[in-house]
Every structure is written in structure tokens, then in C-alpha cells.
PDB file of N, CA and C in Angstrom:
ATOM      1  N   MET A   1      80.756   0.428  48.423  1.00  0.00           N
ATOM      2  CA  MET A   1      79.414   0.442  49.244  1.00  0.00           C
ATOM      3  C   MET A   1      78.216   0.054  47.973  1.00  0.00           C
ATOM      4  N   THR A   2      77.592  -0.385  48.584  1.00  0.00           N
ATOM      5  CA  THR A   2      76.048  -0.276  47.557  1.00  0.00           C
ATOM      6  C   THR A   2      74.818   1.055  48.400  1.00  0.00           C
ATOM      7  N   THR A   3      73.857   1.634  48.175  1.00  0.00           N
ATOM      8  CA  THR A   3      73.382   2.148  48.925  1.00  0.00           C
ATOM      9  C   THR A   3      71.772   1.678  48.094  1.00  0.00           C
ATOM     10  N   SER A   4      70.589   1.774  49.188  1.00  0.00           N
ATOM     11  CA  SER A   4      69.816   0.485  48.788  1.00  0.00           C
ATOM     12  C   SER A   4      68.739   1.590  48.243  1.00  0.00           C
ATOM     13  N   THR A   5      67.745   1.727  47.155  1.00  0.00           N
ATOM     14  CA  THR A   5      66.616   2.393  46.968  1.00  0.00           C
ATOM     15  C   THR A   5      65.899   3.191  48.485  1.00  0.00           C
ATOM     16  N   ALA A   6      66.162   1.966  49.584  1.00  0.00           N
ATOM     17  CA  ALA A   6      65.357   2.805  50.297  1.00  0.00           C
ATOM     18  C   ALA A   6      65.818   4.069  51.404  1.00  0.00           C
ATOM     19  N   ALA A   7      67.167   3.870  51.943  1.00  0.00           N
ATOM     20  CA  ALA A   7      68.373   4.645  51.941  1.00  0.00           C
ATOM     21  C   ALA A   7      68.091   6.170  51.195  1.00  0.00           C
ATOM     22  N   ILE A   8      68.194   5.692  49.730  1.00  0.00           N
ATOM     23  CA  ILE A   8      67.888   6.989  48.981  1.00  0.00           C
ATOM     24  C   ILE A   8      66.901   8.435  49.321  1.00  0.00           C
ATOM     25  N   LEU A   9      65.577   7.521  49.356  1.00  0.00           N
ATOM     26  CA  LEU A   9      64.282   7.852  49.567  1.00  0.00           C
ATOM     27  C   LEU A   9      64.465   8.068  50.659  1.00  0.00           C
ATOM     28  N   ASN A  10      65.049   7.600  51.882  1.00  0.00           N
ATOM     29  CA  ASN A  10      64.789   8.199  53.094  1.00  0.00           C
ATOM     30  C   ASN A  10      65.860   9.973  53.387  1.00  0.00           C
ATOM     31  N   ALA A  11      66.837   9.836  52.671  1.00  0.00           N
ATOM     32  CA  ALA A  11      67.728  11.070  52.545  1.00  0.00           C
ATOM     33  C   ALA A  11      66.694  11.876  51.927  1.00  0.00           C
ATOM     34  N   ARG A  12      66.361  11.792  51.012  1.00  0.00           N
ATOM     35  CA  ARG A  12      65.400  12.549  49.743  1.00  0.00           C
ATOM     36  C   ARG A  12      64.406  12.812  50.770  1.00  0.00           C
ATOM     37  N   GLN A  13      63.642  12.163  51.381  1.00  0.00           N
ATOM     38  CA  GLN A  13      62.689  12.858  52.303  1.00  0.00           C
ATOM     39  C   GLN A  13      63.203  14.081  53.272  1.00  0.00           C
ATOM     40  N   SER A  14      64.369  12.984  54.081  1.00  0.00           N
ATOM     41  CA  SER A  14      65.443  14.307  55.662  1.00  0.00           C
ATOM     42  C   SER A  14      65.534  15.740  55.162  1.00  0.00           C
ATOM     43  N   VAL A  15      65.951  15.658  53.722  1.00  0.00           N
ATOM     44  CA  VAL A  15      66.272  16.845  52.812  1.00  0.00           C
ATOM     45  C   VAL A  15      64.826  17.577  52.757  1.00  0.00           C
ATOM     46  N   ASN A  16      63.689  17.400  52.277  1.00  0.00           N
ATOM     47  CA  ASN A  16      62.815  17.788  51.807  1.00  0.00           C
ATOM     48  C   ASN A  16      62.352  18.281  53.255  1.00  0.00           C
ATOM     49  N   ALA A  17      62.063  17.387  53.777  1.00  0.00           N
ATOM     50  CA  ALA A  17      61.592  17.849  55.316  1.00  0.00           C
ATOM     51  C   ALA A  17      62.017  18.651  56.370  1.00  0.00           C
ATOM     52  N   SER A  18      63.404  19.171  56.060  1.00  0.00           N
ATOM     53  CA  SER A  18      64.151  20.132  56.326  1.00  0.00           C
ATOM     54  C   SER A  18      63.699  21.330  55.645  1.00  0.00           C
ATOM     55  N   ARG A  19      63.693  21.201  54.120  1.00  0.00           N
ATOM     56  CA  ARG A  19      63.457  22.559  53.818  1.00  0.00           C
ATOM     57  C   ARG A  19      61.623  23.358  53.708  1.00  0.00           C
ATOM     58  N   GLN A  20      61.282  22.031  54.056  1.00  0.00           N
ATOM     59  CA  GLN A  20      59.303  22.230  54.563  1.00  0.00           C
ATOM     60  C   GLN A  20      59.828  23.467  56.015  1.00  0.00           C
ATOM     61  N   ASP A  21      60.266  22.596  56.990  1.00  0.00           N
ATOM     62  CA  ASP A  21      60.610  23.626  57.641  1.00  0.00           C
ATOM     63  C   ASP A  21      61.049  25.577  57.844  1.00  0.00           C
ATOM     64  N   GLY A  22      61.444  25.469  56.886  1.00  0.00           N
ATOM     65  CA  GLY A  22      63.159  26.901  56.643  1.00  0.00           C
ATOM     66  C   GLY A  22      63.906  26.500  57.112  1.00  0.00           C
ATOM     67  N   THR A  23      64.594  25.391  57.415  1.00  0.00           N
ATOM     68  CA  THR A  23      66.354  25.188  57.381  1.00  0.00           C
ATOM     69  C   THR A  23      66.691  24.737  56.284  1.00  0.00           C
ATOM     70  N   ARG A  24      66.915  26.181  55.378  1.00  0.00           N
ATOM     71  CA  ARG A  24      67.026  25.640  54.039  1.00  0.00           C
ATOM     72  C   ARG A  24      68.732  26.020  53.907  1.00  0.00           C
ATOM     73  N   THR A  25      69.165  25.692  53.080  1.00  0.00           N
ATOM     74  CA  THR A  25      70.755  25.894  52.577  1.00  0.00           C
ATOM     75  C   THR A  25      71.332  27.274  52.165  1.00  0.00           C
ATOM     76  N   PRO A  26      71.761  28.202  52.706  1.00  0.00           N
ATOM     77  CA  PRO A  26      71.357  29.297  52.144  1.00  0.00           C
ATOM     78  C   PRO A  26      71.734  29.824  50.342  1.00  0.00           C
ATOM     79  N   SER A  27      71.785  30.758  49.529  1.00  0.00           N
ATOM     80  CA  SER A  27      71.955  30.494  48.156  1.00  0.00           C
ATOM     81  C   SER A  27      73.171  30.519  47.427  1.00  0.00           C
ATOM     82  N   ARG A  28      73.391  31.147  46.365  1.00  0.00           N
ATOM     83  CA  ARG A  28      74.672  31.240  45.744  1.00  0.00           C
ATOM     84  C   ARG A  28      75.100  32.376  46.590  1.00  0.00           C
ATOM     85  N   SER A  29      73.935  32.988  46.463  1.00  0.00           N
ATOM     86  CA  SER A  29      74.507  34.425  46.645  1.00  0.00           C
ATOM     87  C   SER A  29      74.187  34.897  47.644  1.00  0.00           C
ATOM     88  N   GLY A  30      74.540  34.105  48.980  1.00  0.00           N
ATOM     89  CA  GLY A  30      74.641  33.919  50.196  1.00  0.00           C
ATOM     90  C   GLY A  30      73.188  34.594  51.353  1.00  0.00           C
ATOM     91  N   TYR A  31      72.284  34.573  50.160  1.00  0.00           N
ATOM     92  CA  TYR A  31      70.669  35.555  50.844  1.00  0.00           C
ATOM     93  C   TYR A  31      70.032  34.293  51.145  1.00  0.00           C
ATOM     94  N   SER A  32      68.923  33.669  52.400  1.00  0.00           N
ATOM     95  CA  SER A  32      68.260  32.817  52.947  1.00  0.00           C
ATOM     96  C   SER A  32      67.284  33.486  52.020  1.00  0.00           C
ATOM     97  N   PRO A  33      66.276  31.982  51.854  1.00  0.00           N
ATOM     98  CA  PRO A  33      64.809  32.397  51.278  1.00  0.00           C
ATOM     99  C   PRO A  33      64.341  33.253  51.765  1.00  0.00           C
ATOM    100  N   ASN A  34      64.157  33.816  53.295  1.00  0.00           N
ATOM    101  CA  ASN A  34      63.718  34.363  53.956  1.00  0.00           C
ATOM    102  C   ASN A  34      64.456  36.202  53.780  1.00  0.00           C
ATOM    103  N   HIS A  35      65.187  36.187  53.635  1.00  0.00           N
ATOM    104  CA  HIS A  35      65.790  37.235  53.497  1.00  0.00           C
ATOM    105  C   HIS A  35      65.246  38.360  52.477  1.00  0.00           C
ATOM    106  N   GLN A  36      65.839  39.329  52.584  1.00  0.00           N
ATOM    107  CA  GLN A  36      64.428  40.587  52.339  1.00  0.00           C
ATOM    108  C   GLN A  36      64.808  40.732  50.156  1.00  0.00           C
ATOM    109  N   HIS A  37      66.236  40.444  50.068  1.00  0.00           N
ATOM    110  CA  HIS A  37      66.699  40.687  48.915  1.00  0.00           C
ATOM    111  C   HIS A  37      66.029  39.104  48.130  1.00  0.00           C
ATOM    112  N   SER A  38      65.520  38.223  48.747  1.00  0.00           N
ATOM    113  CA  SER A  38      65.419  37.189  48.104  1.00  0.00           C
ATOM    114  C   SER A  38      63.678  37.419  47.619  1.00  0.00           C
ATOM    115  N   LYS A  39      63.682  38.235  48.205  1.00  0.00           N
ATOM    116  CA  LYS A  39      62.181  38.622  47.371  1.00  0.00           C
ATOM    117  C   LYS A  39      61.293  39.311  46.805  1.00  0.00           C
ATOM    118  N   SER A  40      62.767  40.299  47.033  1.00  0.00           N
ATOM    119  CA  SER A  40      62.542  41.556  46.018  1.00  0.00           C
ATOM    120  C   SER A  40      62.266  41.291  44.657  1.00  0.00           C
ATOM    121  N   ARG A  41      61.483  41.146  44.091  1.00  0.00           N
ATOM    122  CA  ARG A  41      61.556  41.459  42.157  1.00  0.00           C
ATOM    123  C   ARG A  41      62.601  41.860  41.511  1.00  0.00           C
ATOM    124  N   ASN A  42      63.175  43.829  42.411  1.00  0.00           N
ATOM    125  CA  ASN A  42      63.569  44.117  42.139  1.00  0.00           C
ATOM    126  C   ASN A  42      64.686  44.394  41.534  1.00  0.00           C
ATOM    127  N   VAL A  43      65.665  43.521  43.023  1.00  0.00           N
ATOM    128  CA  VAL A  43      66.491  42.598  43.211  1.00  0.00           C
ATOM    129  C   VAL A  43      66.710  42.013  42.578  1.00  0.00           C
ATOM    130  N   VAL A  44      66.323  40.870  42.350  1.00  0.00           N
ATOM    131  CA  VAL A  44      66.325  39.367  41.188  1.00  0.00           C
ATOM    132  C   VAL A  44      66.422  39.966  39.835  1.00  0.00           C
ATOM    133  N   GLN A  45      65.267  41.016  39.424  1.00  0.00           N
ATOM    134  CA  GLN A  45      65.304  41.589  38.214  1.00  0.00           C
ATOM    135  C   GLN A  45      66.932  42.177  37.272  1.00  0.00           C
ATOM    136  N   GLY A  46      67.666  42.921  38.096  1.00  0.00           N
ATOM    137  CA  GLY A  46      67.780  43.839  38.721  1.00  0.00           C
ATOM    138  C   GLY A  46      69.294  43.049  37.938  1.00  0.00           C
ATOM    139  N   MET A  47      69.266  42.110  38.946  1.00  0.00           N
ATOM    140  CA  MET A  47      70.610  41.484  39.111  1.00  0.00           C
ATOM    141  C   MET A  47      70.811  40.073  37.268  1.00  0.00           C
ATOM    142  N   ALA A  48      69.682  40.040  37.443  1.00  0.00           N
ATOM    143  CA  ALA A  48      70.178  39.328  36.343  1.00  0.00           C
ATOM    144  C   ALA A  48      69.676  39.967  34.912  1.00  0.00           C
ATOM    145  N   LEU A  49      69.946  41.064  34.804  1.00  0.00           N
ATOM    146  CA  LEU A  49      69.588  41.888  34.170  1.00  0.00           C
ATOM    147  C   LEU A  49      71.260  42.615  33.797  1.00  0.00           C
ATOM    148  N   SER A  50      72.144  42.526  34.993  1.00  0.00           N
ATOM    149  CA  SER A  50      73.193  42.841  35.128  1.00  0.00           C
ATOM    150  C   SER A  50      74.340  41.774  34.453  1.00  0.00           C
ATOM    151  N   ASP A  51      73.566  40.635  34.965  1.00  0.00           N
ATOM    152  CA  ASP A  51      74.344  39.294  34.782  1.00  0.00           C
ATOM    153  C   ASP A  51      73.961  39.503  33.104  1.00  0.00           C
ATOM    154  N   ILE A  52      73.369  39.190  32.766  1.00  0.00           N
ATOM    155  CA  ILE A  52      73.124  38.722  31.155  1.00  0.00           C
ATOM    156  C   ILE A  52      74.175  39.294  30.661  1.00  0.00           C
ATOM    157  N   ALA A  53      74.224  41.469  31.009  1.00  0.00           N
ATOM    158  CA  ALA A  53      74.659  42.710  30.160  1.00  0.00           C
ATOM    159  C   ALA A  53      76.392  42.258  30.423  1.00  0.00           C
ATOM    160  N   ARG A  54      77.292  41.213  31.533  1.00  0.00           N
ATOM    161  CA  ARG A  54      78.216  40.371  31.400  1.00  0.00           C
ATOM    162  C   ARG A  54      78.583  39.505  31.030  1.00  0.00           C
ATOM    163  N   ASN A  55      77.664  38.550  30.806  1.00  0.00           N
ATOM    164  CA  ASN A  55      78.181  37.493  30.667  1.00  0.00           C
ATOM    165  C   ASN A  55      77.439  36.690  29.118  1.00  0.00           C
ATOM    166  N   GLY A  56      76.442  37.336  28.543  1.00  0.00           N
ATOM    167  CA  GLY A  56      75.915  37.089  27.845  1.00  0.00           C
ATOM    168  C   GLY A  56      75.136  35.327  27.955  1.00  0.00           C
ATOM    169  N   PHE A  57      74.057  34.744  26.929  1.00  0.00           N
ATOM    170  CA  PHE A  57      73.521  34.200  27.576  1.00  0.00           C
ATOM    171  C   PHE A  57      73.400  32.345  26.617  1.00  0.00           C
ATOM    172  N   GLU A  58      73.058  31.906  26.831  1.00  0.00           N
ATOM    173  CA  GLU A  58      72.842  30.516  25.942  1.00  0.00           C
ATOM    174  C   GLU A  58      71.427  29.921  26.196  1.00  0.00           C
ATOM    175  N   VAL A  59      70.956  30.134  24.817  1.00  0.00           N
ATOM    176  CA  VAL A  59      69.383  29.479  24.283  1.00  0.00           C
ATOM    177  C   VAL A  59      69.677  27.874  23.865  1.00  0.00           C
ATOM    178  N   ARG A  60      68.789  27.281  23.779  1.00  0.00           N
ATOM    179  CA  ARG A  60      68.567  25.750  23.384  1.00  0.00           C
ATOM    180  C   ARG A  60      67.331  25.572  22.580  1.00  0.00           C
ATOM    181  N   CYS A  61      67.354  24.816  21.909  1.00  0.00           N
ATOM    182  CA  CYS A  61      66.117  24.706  21.178  1.00  0.00           C
ATOM    183  C   CYS A  61      65.591  23.088  21.875  1.00  0.00           C
ATOM    184  N   LYS A  62      64.403  23.336  22.094  1.00  0.00           N
ATOM    185  CA  LYS A  62      64.126  21.537  23.085  1.00  0.00           C
ATOM    186  C   LYS A  62      63.645  21.206  21.876  1.00  0.00           C
ATOM    187  N   GLU A  63      63.430  21.428  20.223  1.00  0.00           N
ATOM    188  CA  GLU A  63      63.160  20.363  19.524  1.00  0.00           C
ATOM    189  C   GLU A  63      64.430  19.200  19.142  1.00  0.00           C
ATOM    190  N   THR A  64      65.537  19.989  18.873  1.00  0.00           N
ATOM    191  CA  THR A  64      66.434  19.368  18.604  1.00  0.00           C
ATOM    192  C   THR A  64      68.020  19.183  19.596  1.00  0.00           C
ATOM    193  N   GLY A  65      67.465  20.122  20.549  1.00  0.00           N
ATOM    194  CA  GLY A  65      68.536  20.671  21.402  1.00  0.00           C
ATOM    195  C   GLY A  65      69.805  21.459  21.528  1.00  0.00           C
ATOM    196  N   ILE A  66      69.977  22.059  19.961  1.00  0.00           N
ATOM    197  CA  ILE A  66      70.911  23.082  19.641  1.00  0.00           C
ATOM    198  C   ILE A  66      71.401  23.980  20.709  1.00  0.00           C
ATOM    199  N   GLN A  67      72.256  24.618  21.025  1.00  0.00           N
ATOM    200  CA  GLN A  67      72.519  24.899  22.463  1.00  0.00           C
ATOM    201  C   GLN A  67      73.389  26.557  21.181  1.00  0.00           C
ATOM    202  N   PHE A  68      72.806  28.025  22.098  1.00  0.00           N
ATOM    203  CA  PHE A  68      73.657  29.177  20.743  1.00  0.00           C
ATOM    204  C   PHE A  68      74.133  29.902  21.758  1.00  0.00           C
ATOM    205  N   SER A  69      74.854  30.313  22.657  1.00  0.00           N
ATOM    206  CA  SER A  69      76.135  31.278  22.711  1.00  0.00           C
ATOM    207  C   SER A  69      75.765  32.192  22.592  1.00  0.00           C
ATOM    208  N   ILE A  70      75.150  33.295  22.836  1.00  0.00           N
ATOM    209  CA  ILE A  70      75.219  34.129  22.760  1.00  0.00           C
ATOM    210  C   ILE A  70      75.651  35.396  23.718  1.00  0.00           C
ATOM    211  N   LEU A  71      76.537  35.962  22.696  1.00  0.00           N
ATOM    212  CA  LEU A  71      78.029  36.836  23.696  1.00  0.00           C
ATOM    213  C   LEU A  71      77.417  38.003  24.447  1.00  0.00           C
ATOM    214  N   PRO A  72      78.219  38.516  25.330  1.00  0.00           N
ATOM    215  CA  PRO A  72      77.879  40.596  26.024  1.00  0.00           C
ATOM    216  C   PRO A  72      78.465  40.661  24.890  1.00  0.00           C
ATOM    217  N   GLY A  73      77.694  41.938  25.055  1.00  0.00           N
ATOM    218  CA  GLY A  73      77.812  43.140  23.783  1.00  0.00           C
ATOM    219  C   GLY A  73      77.233  43.177  22.970  1.00  0.00           C
ATOM    220  N   GLY A  74      77.157  42.447  22.193  1.00  0.00           N
ATOM    221  CA  GLY A  74      76.235  42.221  20.607  1.00  0.00           C
ATOM    222  C   GLY A  74      75.066  42.755  20.454  1.00  0.00           C
ATOM    223  N   SER A  75      74.712  42.763  19.405  1.00  0.00           N
ATOM    224  CA  SER A  75      73.583  43.578  19.762  1.00  0.00           C
ATOM    225  C   SER A  75      72.434  42.207  19.921  1.00  0.00           C
ATOM    226  N   ILE A  76      72.488  41.372  19.556  1.00  0.00           N
ATOM    227  CA  ILE A  76      71.384  40.130  20.509  1.00  0.00           C
ATOM    228  C   ILE A  76      71.076  40.595  21.917  1.00  0.00           C
ATOM    229  N   CYS A  77      71.997  40.543  22.545  1.00  0.00           N
ATOM    230  CA  CYS A  77      72.522  40.335  23.361  1.00  0.00           C
ATOM    231  C   CYS A  77      72.076  41.662  24.118  1.00  0.00           C
ATOM    232  N   ASP A  78      72.551  42.260  23.679  1.00  0.00           N
ATOM    233  CA  ASP A  78      71.729  44.026  24.025  1.00  0.00           C
ATOM    234  C   ASP A  78      70.251  44.011  24.126  1.00  0.00           C
ATOM    235  N   ALA A  79      69.561  43.876  22.847  1.00  0.00           N
ATOM    236  CA  ALA A  79      68.289  43.957  22.563  1.00  0.00           C
ATOM    237  C   ALA A  79      67.408  42.649  23.431  1.00  0.00           C
ATOM    238  N   PHE A  80      68.196  41.503  23.451  1.00  0.00           N
ATOM    239  CA  PHE A  80      66.936  40.902  24.972  1.00  0.00           C
ATOM    240  C   PHE A  80      67.309  41.391  26.237  1.00  0.00           C
ATOM    241  N   GLY A  81      67.688  42.102  26.581  1.00  0.00           N
ATOM    242  CA  GLY A  81      68.069  42.877  27.660  1.00  0.00           C
ATOM    243  C   GLY A  81      67.166  44.037  28.100  1.00  0.00           C
ATOM    244  N   VAL A  82      67.063  44.741  26.665  1.00  0.00           N
ATOM    245  CA  VAL A  82      66.173  45.651  26.761  1.00  0.00           C
ATOM    246  C   VAL A  82      64.639  45.269  26.572  1.00  0.00           C
ATOM    247  N   GLU A  83      64.512  44.120  25.806  1.00  0.00           N
ATOM    248  CA  GLU A  83      63.268  43.488  25.838  1.00  0.00           C
ATOM    249  C   GLU A  83      63.240  43.056  26.913  1.00  0.00           C
ATOM    250  N   LEU A  84      63.538  42.350  27.742  1.00  0.00           N
ATOM    251  CA  LEU A  84      63.329  41.802  29.185  1.00  0.00           C
ATOM    252  C   LEU A  84      62.789  42.713  29.939  1.00  0.00           C
ATOM    253  N   GLU A  85      63.560  43.843  30.038  1.00  0.00           N
ATOM    254  CA  GLU A  85      63.424  45.006  30.957  1.00  0.00           C
ATOM    255  C   GLU A  85      62.025  45.937  30.595  1.00  0.00           C
ATOM    256  N   LYS A  86      61.503  45.503  29.372  1.00  0.00           N
ATOM    257  CA  LYS A  86      60.298  45.865  28.794  1.00  0.00           C
ATOM    258  C   LYS A  86      59.441  45.209  29.588  1.00  0.00           C
ATOM    259  N   TYR A  87      59.549  43.788  29.231  1.00  0.00           N
ATOM    260  CA  TYR A  87      58.589  43.072  29.522  1.00  0.00           C
ATOM    261  C   TYR A  87      58.136  43.096  31.410  1.00  0.00           C
ATOM    262  N   TRP A  88      59.157  43.111  32.321  1.00  0.00           N
ATOM    263  CA  TRP A  88      58.614  42.848  33.532  1.00  0.00           C
ATOM    264  C   TRP A  88      58.314  44.700  33.833  1.00  0.00           C
ATOM    265  N   ASN A  89      59.118  45.626  33.283  1.00  0.00           N
ATOM    266  CA  ASN A  89      58.623  47.036  33.721  1.00  0.00           C
ATOM    267  C   ASN A  89      56.557  47.245  33.414  1.00  0.00           C
ATOM    268  N   SER A  90      56.241  46.523  32.317  1.00  0.00           N
ATOM    269  CA  SER A  90      55.432  46.284  32.081  1.00  0.00           C
ATOM    270  C   SER A  90      53.756  45.772  33.231  1.00  0.00           C
ATOM    271  N   GLY A  91      54.337  44.837  34.192  1.00  0.00           N
ATOM    272  CA  GLY A  91      54.158  44.467  34.406  1.00  0.00           C
ATOM    273  C   GLY A  91      53.386  42.625  34.661  1.00  0.00           C
ATOM    274  N   ALA A  92      54.016  42.341  33.216  1.00  0.00           N
ATOM    275  CA  ALA A  92      54.188  40.797  33.041  1.00  0.00           C
ATOM    276  C   ALA A  92      54.443  40.079  34.057  1.00  0.00           C
ATOM    277  N   ARG A  93      54.258  38.610  33.171  1.00  0.00           N
ATOM    278  CA  ARG A  93      55.171  37.962  34.622  1.00  0.00           C
ATOM    279  C   ARG A  93      55.093  36.687  33.596  1.00  0.00           C
TER     280      ARG A  93
END
């Protein structure tokens, strides 16, 4: 079965229309976009710092596409978390 471009565009418009009406799919955390925790910077930032500390993170060079995995518990991961927290606490965006 083939799907026409028009059918794909109609499906996309339908999904986007439902999102604009506020009937969005809950996020992976289980919170909807209107839930208080979804709007709290402190909660999101704390979750991000905790996730980085537990799992590390990946960096990709835009120019070459080379990817690096920064492992949790290492000096780079720890320093990044500290600097990110300082940046957020300074009120910068």
C-alpha cells in the first residue's frame, strides 16, 4: 500500500491541529505540557543535572559529525554539571 503526499500532509495537519488545541500526548515522564512540573525550570534543571550525573552525555561536532561519549563519574562530566548549574543559577538562559 502506498501513501500519497496529500494523505501524509493531511495526517500531519491533523496531529498539529490537535496539539494546538492542547490535547497533546503526555511526555515520557508522564507529565502533560500543562502539568506544574512541566513548567518549573527548577524541576527540569534538577532532572537534567541528575540525568547527566547518572548517565553522562554525548557531544557531537557540527562540522565533522564526530561524536564523543562523556561517561558519568569522570572529571569532564562532573565539571560540566558544575558549570551548567552555575550558569542556570546566574539567571542566564
